[in-house]
Amino acid sequence: MRKGPRGDRVVTVAFYGPDNRHATKVVAAVNQPGESLQLNKWFAEDGDVRDSDSIMQAVADYLDKHGAEAFVVTPGVYGCPHEEGIDYPEGKVCLKCSYWIEHDREAIFDA
């Protein structure tokens, strides 16, 4: 990927997992001014989504379909794959991913 602005259609790709080494979920969000946010999620039943050729190809196809021009990609696993208000109560922590209770997910940007 080339650095610098490439257009208005911005894509964010984030990886999520039970700890900072295993990504079991990838989310791609396409945002262009004046359009509704387009969001898709992929999950690995076994292993890491980053090691799955089929999942990563599906992400690439999704980005192509939406004409992605600029990318923001998390440099590592960004947090728990479970969703607040869906998989566990709002304002609480995910008890399935105890690693994230004691670790700051924003720290991946400090490395």
N, C-alpha and C. Protein backbone atom coordinates (compact mmCIF):
# COMPACT_ATOMS: atom_id res chain seq x y z
N MET A 1 0.84 -1.18 0.00
CA MET A 1 0.00 0.00 0.00
C MET A 1 0.88 1.24 0.00
N ARG A 2 0.44 2.22 -0.73
CA ARG A 2 1.17 3.49 -0.76
C ARG A 2 0.66 4.39 0.35
N LYS A 3 1.56 5.20 0.88
CA LYS A 3 1.17 6.13 1.94
C LYS A 3 0.66 7.43 1.35
N GLY A 4 -0.17 8.13 2.11
CA GLY A 4 -0.67 9.42 1.69
C GLY A 4 -2.11 9.33 1.20
N PRO A 5 -2.78 10.47 1.05
CA PRO A 5 -4.18 10.49 0.63
C PRO A 5 -4.35 9.97 -0.79
N ARG A 6 -5.38 9.17 -1.00
CA ARG A 6 -5.65 8.59 -2.31
C ARG A 6 -7.07 8.86 -2.79
N GLY A 7 -7.91 9.47 -1.98
CA GLY A 7 -9.27 9.74 -2.38
C GLY A 7 -10.19 9.85 -1.18
N ASP A 8 -11.47 10.07 -1.48
CA ASP A 8 -12.46 10.27 -0.43
C ASP A 8 -13.04 8.97 0.11
N ARG A 9 -12.97 7.91 -0.65
CA ARG A 9 -13.55 6.64 -0.20
C ARG A 9 -12.53 5.94 0.69
N VAL A 10 -12.71 6.10 2.00
CA VAL A 10 -11.75 5.60 2.99
C VAL A 10 -12.24 4.28 3.57
N VAL A 11 -11.33 3.33 3.67
CA VAL A 11 -11.64 2.02 4.24
C VAL A 11 -10.83 1.83 5.51
N THR A 12 -11.49 1.37 6.55
CA THR A 12 -10.81 0.99 7.77
C THR A 12 -10.90 -0.52 7.90
N VAL A 13 -9.75 -1.15 8.13
CA VAL A 13 -9.70 -2.59 8.34
C VAL A 13 -9.12 -2.83 9.73
N ALA A 14 -9.85 -3.57 10.55
CA ALA A 14 -9.41 -3.83 11.92
C ALA A 14 -9.51 -5.32 12.22
N PHE A 15 -8.54 -5.80 12.97
CA PHE A 15 -8.49 -7.20 13.38
C PHE A 15 -8.80 -7.30 14.87
N TYR A 16 -9.58 -8.32 15.24
CA TYR A 16 -10.00 -8.52 16.61
C TYR A 16 -9.76 -9.97 17.01
N GLY A 17 -9.44 -10.19 18.28
CA GLY A 17 -9.23 -11.55 18.74
C GLY A 17 -9.25 -11.64 20.25
N PRO A 18 -9.15 -12.86 20.78
CA PRO A 18 -9.21 -13.07 22.22
C PRO A 18 -7.98 -12.52 22.96
N ASP A 19 -6.88 -12.28 22.22
CA ASP A 19 -5.68 -11.68 22.80
C ASP A 19 -4.96 -10.90 21.70
N ASN A 20 -3.79 -10.40 22.00
CA ASN A 20 -3.10 -9.55 21.04
C ASN A 20 -2.32 -10.31 19.97
N ARG A 21 -2.39 -11.63 19.98
CA ARG A 21 -1.64 -12.43 19.00
C ARG A 21 -2.52 -13.20 18.03
N HIS A 22 -3.78 -13.38 18.34
CA HIS A 22 -4.67 -14.19 17.51
C HIS A 22 -5.86 -13.37 17.02
N ALA A 23 -6.00 -13.25 15.72
CA ALA A 23 -7.14 -12.50 15.14
C ALA A 23 -8.17 -13.50 14.63
N THR A 24 -9.33 -13.49 15.25
CA THR A 24 -10.40 -14.39 14.83
C THR A 24 -11.50 -13.67 14.06
N LYS A 25 -11.36 -12.34 13.96
CA LYS A 25 -12.38 -11.53 13.27
C LYS A 25 -11.68 -10.38 12.56
N VAL A 26 -12.13 -10.07 11.35
CA VAL A 26 -11.67 -8.89 10.63
C VAL A 26 -12.91 -8.11 10.21
N VAL A 27 -12.84 -6.79 10.37
CA VAL A 27 -13.94 -5.91 10.00
C VAL A 27 -13.42 -4.89 9.00
N ALA A 28 -14.15 -4.71 7.91
CA ALA A 28 -13.83 -3.67 6.93
C ALA A 28 -15.01 -2.72 6.85
N ALA A 29 -14.71 -1.44 6.99
CA ALA A 29 -15.74 -0.41 6.91
C ALA A 29 -15.36 0.59 5.83
N VAL A 30 -16.28 0.83 4.90
CA VAL A 30 -16.07 1.77 3.80
C VAL A 30 -16.88 3.02 4.10
N ASN A 31 -16.20 4.17 4.10
CA ASN A 31 -16.87 5.42 4.43
C ASN A 31 -16.55 6.45 3.35
N GLN A 32 -17.60 6.97 2.74
CA GLN A 32 -17.44 8.05 1.78
C GLN A 32 -18.44 9.14 2.14
N PRO A 33 -18.00 10.40 2.14
CA PRO A 33 -18.92 11.49 2.47
C PRO A 33 -20.20 11.41 1.63
N GLY A 34 -21.32 11.58 2.32
CA GLY A 34 -22.61 11.59 1.64
C GLY A 34 -23.22 10.21 1.44
N GLU A 35 -22.53 9.16 1.83
CA GLU A 35 -23.05 7.79 1.70
C GLU A 35 -23.11 7.14 3.07
N SER A 36 -23.97 6.14 3.20
CA SER A 36 -24.02 5.41 4.46
C SER A 36 -22.81 4.50 4.58
N LEU A 37 -22.40 4.26 5.80
CA LEU A 37 -21.25 3.41 6.08
C LEU A 37 -21.53 1.99 5.62
N GLN A 38 -20.61 1.41 4.90
CA GLN A 38 -20.70 0.02 4.46
C GLN A 38 -19.77 -0.80 5.34
N LEU A 39 -20.28 -1.83 5.99
CA LEU A 39 -19.50 -2.59 6.95
C LEU A 39 -19.68 -4.08 6.70
N ASN A 40 -18.58 -4.82 6.79
CA ASN A 40 -18.67 -6.28 6.67
C ASN A 40 -17.70 -6.90 7.66
N LYS A 41 -18.04 -8.11 8.11
CA LYS A 41 -17.23 -8.85 9.09
C LYS A 41 -16.99 -10.26 8.60
N TRP A 42 -15.79 -10.76 8.90
CA TRP A 42 -15.42 -12.14 8.59
C TRP A 42 -14.85 -12.77 9.84
N PHE A 43 -15.10 -14.06 10.03
CA PHE A 43 -14.66 -14.76 11.22
C PHE A 43 -13.91 -16.03 10.84
N ALA A 44 -12.91 -16.39 11.63
CA ALA A 44 -12.21 -17.65 11.46
C ALA A 44 -12.76 -18.65 12.47
N GLU A 45 -13.23 -19.78 11.98
CA GLU A 45 -13.70 -20.82 12.89
C GLU A 45 -12.51 -21.41 13.65
N ASP A 46 -11.43 -21.62 12.94
CA ASP A 46 -10.19 -22.14 13.52
C ASP A 46 -9.05 -21.28 13.01
N GLY A 47 -8.06 -21.06 13.82
CA GLY A 47 -6.89 -20.32 13.37
C GLY A 47 -7.08 -18.81 13.38
N ASP A 48 -6.30 -18.16 12.54
CA ASP A 48 -6.20 -16.71 12.49
C ASP A 48 -6.71 -16.22 11.14
N VAL A 49 -7.57 -15.21 11.13
CA VAL A 49 -8.11 -14.69 9.86
C VAL A 49 -7.00 -14.22 8.94
N ARG A 50 -5.91 -13.72 9.51
CA ARG A 50 -4.80 -13.20 8.69
C ARG A 50 -4.06 -14.31 7.95
N ASP A 51 -4.23 -15.55 8.40
CA ASP A 51 -3.59 -16.69 7.74
C ASP A 51 -4.53 -17.41 6.77
N SER A 52 -5.75 -16.93 6.67
CA SER A 52 -6.75 -17.57 5.81
C SER A 52 -6.78 -16.89 4.44
N ASP A 53 -6.30 -17.60 3.42
CA ASP A 53 -6.32 -17.04 2.06
C ASP A 53 -7.74 -16.70 1.62
N SER A 54 -8.71 -17.56 1.97
CA SER A 54 -10.08 -17.31 1.52
C SER A 54 -10.68 -16.08 2.20
N ILE A 55 -10.41 -15.89 3.48
CA ILE A 55 -10.95 -14.71 4.17
C ILE A 55 -10.27 -13.45 3.66
N MET A 56 -8.96 -13.47 3.53
CA MET A 56 -8.26 -12.27 3.07
C MET A 56 -8.64 -11.94 1.62
N GLN A 57 -8.91 -12.95 0.80
CA GLN A 57 -9.38 -12.70 -0.57
C GLN A 57 -10.77 -12.09 -0.54
N ALA A 58 -11.62 -12.56 0.37
CA ALA A 58 -12.96 -11.99 0.51
C ALA A 58 -12.89 -10.52 0.92
N VAL A 59 -11.97 -10.19 1.82
CA VAL A 59 -11.78 -8.79 2.23
C VAL A 59 -11.32 -7.96 1.02
N ALA A 60 -10.34 -8.47 0.28
CA ALA A 60 -9.84 -7.76 -0.90
C ALA A 60 -10.95 -7.55 -1.93
N ASP A 61 -11.76 -8.57 -2.15
CA ASP A 61 -12.88 -8.46 -3.09
C ASP A 61 -13.89 -7.40 -2.62
N TYR A 62 -14.14 -7.37 -1.33
CA TYR A 62 -15.06 -6.39 -0.75
C TYR A 62 -14.53 -4.97 -0.98
N LEU A 63 -13.24 -4.77 -0.76
CA LEU A 63 -12.64 -3.46 -0.95
C LEU A 63 -12.69 -3.04 -2.41
N ASP A 64 -12.43 -3.98 -3.31
CA ASP A 64 -12.52 -3.70 -4.75
C ASP A 64 -13.95 -3.34 -5.14
N LYS A 65 -14.91 -4.10 -4.63
CA LYS A 65 -16.33 -3.88 -4.94
C LYS A 65 -16.76 -2.46 -4.57
N HIS A 66 -16.21 -1.95 -3.46
CA HIS A 66 -16.59 -0.63 -2.98
C HIS A 66 -15.66 0.47 -3.45
N GLY A 67 -14.73 0.15 -4.33
CA GLY A 67 -13.85 1.16 -4.89
C GLY A 67 -13.00 1.89 -3.87
N ALA A 68 -12.44 1.15 -2.94
CA ALA A 68 -11.62 1.75 -1.88
C ALA A 68 -10.45 2.52 -2.47
N GLU A 69 -10.24 3.74 -1.96
CA GLU A 69 -9.17 4.60 -2.45
C GLU A 69 -8.09 4.87 -1.40
N ALA A 70 -8.46 4.84 -0.14
CA ALA A 70 -7.51 5.07 0.94
C ALA A 70 -7.78 4.06 2.04
N PHE A 71 -6.73 3.63 2.73
CA PHE A 71 -6.85 2.56 3.71
C PHE A 71 -6.28 2.98 5.06
N VAL A 72 -6.97 2.55 6.10
CA VAL A 72 -6.46 2.62 7.46
C VAL A 72 -6.54 1.20 7.99
N VAL A 73 -5.40 0.63 8.37
CA VAL A 73 -5.36 -0.75 8.85
C VAL A 73 -4.71 -0.77 10.22
N THR A 74 -5.35 -1.44 11.18
CA THR A 74 -4.75 -1.53 12.50
C THR A 74 -3.44 -2.30 12.39
N PRO A 75 -2.42 -1.88 13.14
CA PRO A 75 -1.12 -2.54 13.05
C PRO A 75 -1.06 -3.87 13.78
N GLY A 76 -2.11 -4.26 14.43
CA GLY A 76 -2.15 -5.53 15.16
C GLY A 76 -3.58 -5.84 15.52
N VAL A 77 -3.76 -6.72 16.48
CA VAL A 77 -5.11 -7.07 16.94
C VAL A 77 -5.59 -5.93 17.82
N TYR A 78 -6.76 -5.38 17.48
CA TYR A 78 -7.24 -4.16 18.10
C TYR A 78 -8.11 -4.37 19.34
N GLY A 79 -8.61 -5.56 19.55
CA GLY A 79 -9.45 -5.78 20.73
C GLY A 79 -10.24 -7.06 20.62
N CYS A 80 -11.13 -7.22 21.54
CA CYS A 80 -11.98 -8.40 21.66
C CYS A 80 -12.90 -8.53 20.44
N PRO A 81 -13.11 -9.76 19.94
CA PRO A 81 -13.99 -9.93 18.79
C PRO A 81 -15.48 -9.87 19.13
N HIS A 82 -15.80 -9.88 20.41
CA HIS A 82 -17.20 -9.83 20.83
C HIS A 82 -17.66 -8.38 20.90
N GLU A 83 -18.94 -8.16 20.69
CA GLU A 83 -19.47 -6.80 20.60
C GLU A 83 -20.32 -6.42 21.81
N GLU A 84 -19.96 -5.25 22.37
CA GLU A 84 -20.70 -4.73 23.51
C GLU A 84 -22.15 -4.49 23.11
N GLY A 85 -23.06 -4.91 23.96
CA GLY A 85 -24.49 -4.74 23.69
C GLY A 85 -25.07 -5.85 22.86
N ILE A 86 -24.22 -6.68 22.26
CA ILE A 86 -24.68 -7.82 21.47
C ILE A 86 -24.25 -9.12 22.14
N ASP A 87 -22.94 -9.24 22.37
CA ASP A 87 -22.38 -10.46 22.97
C ASP A 87 -22.25 -10.38 24.49
N TYR A 88 -22.24 -9.16 25.02
CA TYR A 88 -22.19 -8.94 26.46
C TYR A 88 -22.84 -7.57 26.74
N PRO A 89 -23.29 -7.34 27.97
CA PRO A 89 -24.06 -6.12 28.28
C PRO A 89 -23.27 -4.82 28.08
N GLU A 90 -23.99 -3.78 27.68
CA GLU A 90 -23.42 -2.43 27.54
C GLU A 90 -22.76 -2.01 28.84
N GLY A 91 -21.58 -1.39 28.73
CA GLY A 91 -20.88 -0.88 29.90
C GLY A 91 -20.13 -1.92 30.70
N LYS A 92 -20.20 -3.17 30.29
CA LYS A 92 -19.50 -4.25 30.98
C LYS A 92 -18.30 -4.68 30.15
N VAL A 93 -17.55 -5.65 30.64
CA VAL A 93 -16.42 -6.20 29.89
C VAL A 93 -16.77 -7.61 29.43
N CYS A 94 -16.12 -8.03 28.36
CA CYS A 94 -16.33 -9.38 27.85
C CYS A 94 -15.59 -10.37 28.74
N LEU A 95 -16.31 -11.26 29.33
CA LEU A 95 -15.69 -12.25 30.21
C LEU A 95 -15.07 -13.40 29.44
N LYS A 96 -15.34 -13.49 28.14
CA LYS A 96 -14.75 -14.54 27.32
C LYS A 96 -13.33 -14.19 26.90
N CYS A 97 -12.98 -12.92 26.93
CA CYS A 97 -11.67 -12.45 26.48
C CYS A 97 -10.98 -11.70 27.61
N SER A 98 -10.57 -12.43 28.62
CA SER A 98 -10.00 -11.80 29.81
C SER A 98 -8.73 -11.01 29.52
N TYR A 99 -8.02 -11.33 28.45
CA TYR A 99 -6.81 -10.59 28.10
C TYR A 99 -7.11 -9.09 27.98
N TRP A 100 -8.23 -8.74 27.33
CA TRP A 100 -8.53 -7.34 27.06
C TRP A 100 -9.03 -6.59 28.29
N ILE A 101 -9.37 -7.29 29.36
CA ILE A 101 -9.78 -6.61 30.59
C ILE A 101 -8.60 -5.85 31.18
N GLU A 102 -7.41 -6.43 31.05
CA GLU A 102 -6.22 -5.85 31.67
C GLU A 102 -5.27 -5.18 30.68
N HIS A 103 -5.61 -5.12 29.41
CA HIS A 103 -4.72 -4.53 28.41
C HIS A 103 -5.42 -3.44 27.62
N ASP A 104 -4.69 -2.39 27.33
CA ASP A 104 -5.21 -1.25 26.57
C ASP A 104 -5.07 -1.52 25.08
N ARG A 105 -6.17 -1.63 24.37
CA ARG A 105 -6.10 -1.91 22.94
C ARG A 105 -5.47 -0.76 22.15
N GLU A 106 -5.54 0.45 22.66
CA GLU A 106 -4.93 1.60 21.98
C GLU A 106 -3.40 1.52 21.97
N ALA A 107 -2.82 0.67 22.82
CA ALA A 107 -1.36 0.57 22.91
C ALA A 107 -0.73 0.07 21.61
N ILE A 108 -1.50 -0.58 20.72
CA ILE A 108 -0.92 -1.06 19.47
C ILE A 108 -0.45 0.10 18.60
N PHE A 109 -0.98 1.29 18.83
CA PHE A 109 -0.59 2.43 18.02
C PHE A 109 0.68 3.10 18.54
N ASP A 110 1.11 2.71 19.74
CA ASP A 110 2.32 3.27 20.35
C ASP A 110 3.58 2.51 19.93
N ALA A 111 3.42 1.34 19.36
CA ALA A 111 4.59 0.49 19.02
C ALA A 111 5.39 1.06 17.88
